[in-house]
Amino acid sequence: MRPKGDLMRVVRTPAGDVVLDDTGRLAGRGAYVCRSTDCLERAITKGALSRALKTPLPADLRGALAGGLTDQNTIEGGARGQE
């Protein structure tokens, strides 16, 4: 298991948006993903991230995460209203 500081936190907010949470304090359902591209690809391809967030992932999520966003960013196309 990796230290939490080595991971990215992805959150499905109460509004249904999927966002990167650099602070680790956003409200909503969160999942931690390692920063390596292989690990990220596996989490998305196998559906682990989608299952953890309990929502379908937006199509541009892979690019947004792989781009190494470091601040809190909304990933467009997130599922809204799916609780």
Protein backbone atom coordinates (compact mmCIF):
# COMPACT_ATOMS: atom_id res chain seq x y z
CA MET A 1 0.00 0.00 0.00
CA ARG A 2 1.29 3.44 -0.92
CA PRO A 3 1.39 6.49 1.35
CA LYS A 4 -1.61 8.76 0.88
CA GLY A 5 0.66 11.62 -0.19
CA ASP A 6 1.78 9.62 -3.25
CA LEU A 7 -1.80 9.27 -4.51
CA MET A 8 -4.30 11.52 -6.30
CA ARG A 9 -7.78 11.87 -4.81
CA VAL A 10 -10.71 11.93 -7.20
CA VAL A 11 -14.11 12.94 -5.81
CA ARG A 12 -17.71 12.71 -6.97
CA THR A 13 -19.22 15.80 -5.40
CA PRO A 14 -22.78 15.92 -4.02
CA ALA A 15 -23.68 17.80 -7.23
CA GLY A 16 -22.46 14.81 -9.28
CA ASP A 17 -19.31 16.39 -10.75
CA VAL A 18 -16.10 14.39 -10.84
CA VAL A 19 -13.20 16.54 -9.62
CA LEU A 20 -9.58 16.19 -8.61
CA ASP A 21 -9.12 17.00 -4.94
CA ASP A 22 -5.62 18.18 -4.20
CA THR A 23 -6.52 19.21 -0.64
CA GLY A 24 -8.07 15.88 0.38
CA ARG A 25 -10.93 17.75 2.05
CA LEU A 26 -13.67 18.07 -0.56
CA ALA A 27 -17.06 16.69 0.41
CA GLY A 28 -18.28 13.74 -1.59
CA ARG A 29 -17.39 10.18 -2.44
CA GLY A 30 -13.65 9.89 -2.96
CA ALA A 31 -11.17 7.41 -4.36
CA TYR A 32 -7.39 7.44 -4.33
CA VAL A 33 -5.42 6.59 -7.47
CA CYS A 34 -1.66 6.26 -7.84
CA ARG A 35 0.12 8.74 -10.07
CA SER A 36 1.73 6.20 -12.45
CA THR A 37 0.16 6.00 -15.90
CA ASP A 38 0.04 2.18 -15.80
CA CYS A 39 -1.84 2.18 -12.50
CA LEU A 40 -4.21 4.90 -13.67
CA GLU A 41 -4.95 3.08 -16.94
CA ARG A 42 -5.74 -0.14 -15.04
CA ALA A 43 -8.05 1.66 -12.59
CA ILE A 44 -10.01 3.24 -15.44
CA THR A 45 -9.98 0.27 -17.85
CA LYS A 46 -11.03 -2.30 -15.24
CA GLY A 47 -13.74 -0.01 -13.92
CA ALA A 48 -12.29 0.24 -10.41
CA LEU A 49 -12.48 4.03 -10.33
CA SER A 50 -16.03 4.06 -11.66
CA ARG A 51 -17.08 1.48 -9.05
CA ALA A 52 -15.38 3.37 -6.22
CA LEU A 53 -17.10 6.63 -7.16
CA LYS A 54 -20.39 4.86 -7.95
CA THR A 55 -20.83 6.85 -11.15
CA PRO A 56 -19.91 6.50 -14.82
CA LEU A 57 -16.70 8.38 -15.59
CA PRO A 58 -16.60 11.24 -18.08
CA ALA A 59 -14.75 10.51 -21.33
CA ASP A 60 -12.06 13.13 -20.72
CA LEU A 61 -11.17 11.88 -17.24
CA ARG A 62 -8.17 9.87 -18.42
CA GLY A 63 -6.62 12.89 -20.12
CA ALA A 64 -7.31 15.17 -17.17
CA LEU A 65 -5.72 12.80 -14.66
CA ALA A 66 -2.82 11.89 -16.91
CA GLY A 67 -2.19 15.59 -17.48
CA GLY A 68 -1.14 15.81 -13.85
CA LEU A 69 -3.56 18.50 -12.76
CA THR A 70 -2.37 19.81 -9.43
CA ASP A 71 -5.19 22.11 -8.38
CA GLN A 72 -8.87 21.47 -7.84
CA ASN A 73 -10.35 21.04 -11.32
CA THR A 74 -13.79 19.97 -12.46
CA ILE A 75 -13.67 17.33 -15.13
CA GLU A 76 -16.29 18.29 -17.69
CA GLY A 77 -19.01 15.80 -18.53
CA GLY A 78 -19.34 14.37 -15.03
CA ALA A 79 -22.55 12.56 -14.25
CA ARG A 80 -24.97 14.92 -12.50
CA GLY A 81 -27.69 13.89 -10.13
CA GLN A 82 -26.67 10.27 -9.86
CA GLU A 83 -26.60 9.55 -6.16
